[in-house]
Every structure is written in C-alpha cells, then in structure tokens.
Amino acid sequence: MAVAKELLDILVCPLCRTPVKTTPDQKGLKCTTCHRVYPIRDDIPIMLIDEARPEPD
C-alpha cells in the first residue's frame, strides 16, 4: 500500500514549505526547491529534516 493521495496533496517540505512529490521508486518524497528526499517507511512519510537526505536534480 502506498501513501494516500489525500495525504500527498497536503504534505510540504518542513524546511521550505514547498509541496513534495514521490520519488520514481516510491520510497521517498522529494522537495523540488531544496532537493531533500524524505523517506517513506512502512507507508508512513518521515517528514523530519534530520531524516532527509540531500539529492541533486
């Protein structure tokens, strides 16, 4: 089961407040502004800045 679309519609990056999008592998949520990827564990997005990893475009 993936993260619900309703939840994805309201999630934003906690650092810069930009809406996040799922990564192609569906294992993270990426911010298009600050390029951080927040992990998804057991279908739960971990929206903590310390848990995010920076990723280039």
Protein backbone atom coordinates (compact mmCIF):
# COMPACT_ATOMS: atom_id res chain seq x y z
CA MET A 1 0.00 0.00 0.00
CA ALA A 2 1.33 3.43 -0.90
CA VAL A 3 0.90 6.79 0.77
CA ALA A 4 -2.66 8.03 0.25
CA LYS A 5 -3.14 10.68 -2.44
CA GLU A 6 -5.10 12.84 0.02
CA LEU A 7 -2.08 12.91 2.32
CA LEU A 8 0.33 13.67 -0.53
CA ASP A 9 -1.86 16.61 -1.54
CA ILE A 10 -1.27 18.34 1.80
CA LEU A 11 2.34 17.38 2.62
CA VAL A 12 5.01 20.07 2.29
CA CYS A 13 8.72 20.18 3.00
CA PRO A 14 9.17 21.18 6.66
CA LEU A 15 12.20 23.30 5.76
CA CYS A 16 10.99 25.45 2.87
CA ARG A 17 7.22 24.70 2.75
CA THR A 18 7.25 23.53 -0.90
CA PRO A 19 4.88 20.66 -1.81
CA VAL A 20 6.68 17.32 -2.08
CA LYS A 21 6.38 14.66 -4.79
CA THR A 22 7.04 10.94 -4.66
CA THR A 23 10.34 9.68 -6.00
CA PRO A 24 10.26 7.32 -9.02
CA ASP A 25 10.94 4.31 -6.77
CA GLN A 26 8.09 5.33 -4.39
CA LYS A 27 10.46 5.11 -1.39
CA GLY A 28 10.68 8.83 -0.65
CA LEU A 29 9.17 12.27 -1.03
CA LYS A 30 11.28 14.89 -2.78
CA CYS A 31 11.17 18.65 -2.39
CA THR A 32 11.77 20.35 -5.73
CA THR A 33 13.06 23.54 -4.09
CA CYS A 34 15.66 22.41 -1.55
CA HIS A 35 16.18 18.94 -3.14
CA ARG A 36 15.78 16.98 0.09
CA VAL A 37 14.29 13.48 -0.03
CA TYR A 38 12.22 12.40 2.96
CA PRO A 39 11.99 8.62 3.42
CA ILE A 40 8.79 6.59 3.43
CA ARG A 41 8.90 3.71 5.93
CA ASP A 42 6.03 1.23 6.21
CA ASP A 43 3.88 3.59 4.08
CA ILE A 44 4.49 6.45 6.55
CA PRO A 45 6.31 9.57 5.33
CA ILE A 46 9.07 10.61 7.75
CA MET A 47 8.92 14.39 7.41
CA LEU A 48 11.82 15.26 9.72
CA ILE A 49 14.61 17.47 8.40
CA ASP A 50 17.22 15.33 10.19
CA GLU A 51 15.95 12.21 8.40
CA ALA A 52 16.06 13.78 4.92
CA ARG A 53 18.96 13.32 2.56
CA PRO A 54 20.03 15.96 0.05
CA GLU A 55 19.78 14.85 -3.56
CA PRO A 56 20.80 16.73 -6.69
CA ASP A 57 18.36 17.31 -9.55
